[in-house]
C-alpha atoms as a PDB file:
ATOM      1  CA  MET A   1     -36.516 102.594 104.787  1.00  0.00           C
ATOM      2  CA  GLY A   2     -34.411 105.730 105.230  1.00  0.00           C
ATOM      3  CA  ASN A   3     -35.600 105.795 108.930  1.00  0.00           C
ATOM      4  CA  TRP A   4     -34.276 102.248 109.468  1.00  0.00           C
ATOM      5  CA  SER A   5     -31.006 103.184 107.927  1.00  0.00           C
ATOM      6  CA  LYS A   6     -30.885 106.303 110.310  1.00  0.00           C
ATOM      7  CA  ASN A   7     -32.104 104.339 113.410  1.00  0.00           C
ATOM      8  CA  GLN A   8     -29.177 101.751 112.645  1.00  0.00           C
ATOM      9  CA  GLN A   9     -26.607 104.554 112.221  1.00  0.00           C
ATOM     10  CA  ASP A  10     -27.780 105.650 115.707  1.00  0.00           C
ATOM     11  CA  LEU A  11     -27.667 102.416 117.259  1.00  0.00           C
ATOM     12  CA  HIS A  12     -23.943 101.774 115.793  1.00  0.00           C
ATOM     13  CA  HIS A  13     -22.576 104.742 117.699  1.00  0.00           C
ATOM     14  CA  ARG A  14     -23.826 103.153 120.918  1.00  0.00           C
ATOM     15  CA  ILE A  15     -21.288 100.153 120.443  1.00  0.00           C
ATOM     16  CA  GLU A  16     -17.720 100.895 121.221  1.00  0.00           C
ATOM     17  CA  ILE A  17     -14.606  98.418 120.648  1.00  0.00           C
ATOM     18  CA  ASN A  18     -11.632  99.566 122.383  1.00  0.00           C
ATOM     19  CA  PRO A  19      -8.608  97.236 123.223  1.00  0.00           C
ATOM     20  CA  GLU A  20      -8.370  99.194 126.572  1.00  0.00           C
ATOM     21  CA  ILE A  21     -11.877  98.410 127.689  1.00  0.00           C
ATOM     22  CA  MET A  22     -12.844  94.817 128.461  1.00  0.00           C
ATOM     23  CA  THR A  23      -9.847  93.655 126.416  1.00  0.00           C
ATOM     24  CA  GLY A  24     -11.685  94.779 123.154  1.00  0.00           C
ATOM     25  CA  LYS A  25     -14.910  93.179 123.443  1.00  0.00           C
ATOM     26  CA  PRO A  26     -17.736  95.216 122.141  1.00  0.00           C
ATOM     27  CA  VAL A  27     -19.385  97.240 124.920  1.00  0.00           C
ATOM     28  CA  ILE A  28     -21.934  99.758 125.228  1.00  0.00           C
ATOM     29  CA  ARG A  29     -20.260 103.199 124.652  1.00  0.00           C
ATOM     30  CA  GLY A  30     -19.267 104.917 127.883  1.00  0.00           C
ATOM     31  CA  THR A  31     -19.548 101.720 129.943  1.00  0.00           C
ATOM     32  CA  ARG A  32     -17.896  98.531 130.336  1.00  0.00           C
ATOM     33  CA  ILE A  33     -20.868  96.525 129.705  1.00  0.00           C
ATOM     34  CA  PRO A  34     -20.310  93.982 127.087  1.00  0.00           C
ATOM     35  CA  VAL A  35     -22.771  93.270 124.340  1.00  0.00           C
ATOM     36  CA  GLU A  36     -22.520  89.719 125.226  1.00  0.00           C
ATOM     37  CA  LEU A  37     -23.812  90.277 128.497  1.00  0.00           C
ATOM     38  CA  LEU A  38     -26.670  91.876 127.344  1.00  0.00           C
ATOM     39  CA  VAL A  39     -27.601  89.252 124.692  1.00  0.00           C
ATOM     40  CA  LYS A  40     -27.159  86.617 127.301  1.00  0.00           C
ATOM     41  CA  MET A  41     -29.544  88.458 129.684  1.00  0.00           C
ATOM     42  CA  LEU A  42     -32.182  88.656 127.073  1.00  0.00           C
ATOM     43  CA  ALA A  43     -31.789  85.027 126.148  1.00  0.00           C
ATOM     44  CA  GLN A  44     -32.135  84.089 129.891  1.00  0.00           C
ATOM     45  CA  GLY A  45     -35.668  85.698 129.671  1.00  0.00           C
ATOM     46  CA  MET A  46     -34.914  89.206 130.849  1.00  0.00           C
ATOM     47  CA  ASN A  47     -36.498  92.255 129.227  1.00  0.00           C
ATOM     48  CA  THR A  48     -35.286  95.668 128.530  1.00  0.00           C
ATOM     49  CA  GLU A  49     -37.225  96.919 131.495  1.00  0.00           C
ATOM     50  CA  ASP A  50     -35.352  94.110 133.808  1.00  0.00           C
ATOM     51  CA  ILE A  51     -32.088  95.056 132.242  1.00  0.00           C
ATOM     52  CA  MET A  52     -32.324  98.670 132.958  1.00  0.00           C
ATOM     53  CA  LYS A  53     -33.427  97.904 136.644  1.00  0.00           C
ATOM     54  CA  GLU A  54     -29.979  96.184 136.713  1.00  0.00           C
ATOM     55  CA  TYR A  55     -28.118  98.912 134.929  1.00  0.00           C
ATOM     56  CA  PRO A  56     -30.076 102.093 135.388  1.00  0.00           C
ATOM     57  CA  HIS A  57     -27.814 104.245 133.287  1.00  0.00           C
ATOM     58  CA  LEU A  58     -28.628 102.110 129.867  1.00  0.00           C
ATOM     59  CA  THR A  59     -31.360 102.862 127.589  1.00  0.00           C
ATOM     60  CA  PRO A  60     -33.559 100.935 125.518  1.00  0.00           C
ATOM     61  CA  GLU A  61     -31.783 102.080 122.611  1.00  0.00           C
ATOM     62  CA  ASP A  62     -28.559 100.641 124.073  1.00  0.00           C
ATOM     63  CA  VAL A  63     -30.316  97.259 124.506  1.00  0.00           C
ATOM     64  CA  GLN A  64     -31.523  97.494 120.846  1.00  0.00           C
ATOM     65  CA  ALA A  65     -27.834  98.431 119.814  1.00  0.00           C
ATOM     66  CA  ALA A  66     -26.518  95.193 121.558  1.00  0.00           C
ATOM     67  CA  LEU A  67     -29.120  93.078 119.516  1.00  0.00           C
ATOM     68  CA  LEU A  68     -28.335  94.653 116.187  1.00  0.00           C
ATOM     69  CA  TYR A  69     -24.679  94.378 116.666  1.00  0.00           C
ATOM     70  CA  ALA A  70     -25.108  90.755 117.429  1.00  0.00           C
ATOM     71  CA  ALA A  71     -27.223  90.229 114.565  1.00  0.00           C
ATOM     72  CA  GLU A  72     -24.911  91.846 112.196  1.00  0.00           C
ATOM     73  CA  SER A  73     -22.043  89.787 113.582  1.00  0.00           C
ATOM     74  CA  LEU A  74     -23.961  86.589 112.820  1.00  0.00           C
ATOM     75  CA  ASP A  75     -24.790  87.787 109.439  1.00  0.00           C
ATOM     76  CA  ASP A  76     -21.114  87.997 108.610  1.00  0.00           C
ATOM     77  CA  THR A  77     -20.588  84.415 109.440  1.00  0.00           C
ATOM     78  CA  GLU A  78     -20.179  81.841 106.828  1.00  0.00           C
ATOM     79  CA  VAL A  79     -21.445  78.459 107.276  1.00  0.00           C
ATOM     80  CA  PHE A  80     -19.815  75.459 105.336  1.00  0.00           C
ATOM     81  CA  PRO A  81     -21.502  72.100 105.525  1.00  0.00           C
ATOM     82  CA  ILE A  82     -19.483  69.104 107.056  1.00  0.00           C
ATOM     83  CA  GLU A  83     -20.413  65.937 105.384  1.00  0.00           C
ATOM     84  CA  THR A  84     -21.049  63.103 107.849  1.00  0.00           C
ATOM     85  CA  GLU A  85     -21.527  59.587 107.306  1.00  0.00           C
END
C-alpha cells in the first residue's frame, strides 16, 4: 500500500493546472497536452505505445497520470437520482 501511495504522488506531479496554459485545463506538466485528450485517445482504442508514437516526449507514466487524474475527478462527483414517471 505504501508503494501505491508513493506512486500516486509521483503521478500527481505530472499533471499541471495553469490558467495560462490551455485556459486552465489539466495538462501533462511541461506540455500543452490535455489530460482529456489522452483519455479520449485511450477510449478510442489507442494504447500507451500508440500515444507515445504520436507524442514521443510523453512517457507511460504521463498516460497513467492522466488516467489517475480522470478517475479521481470522477470519484469526487456526486450523483443524485432523478425520479422519472
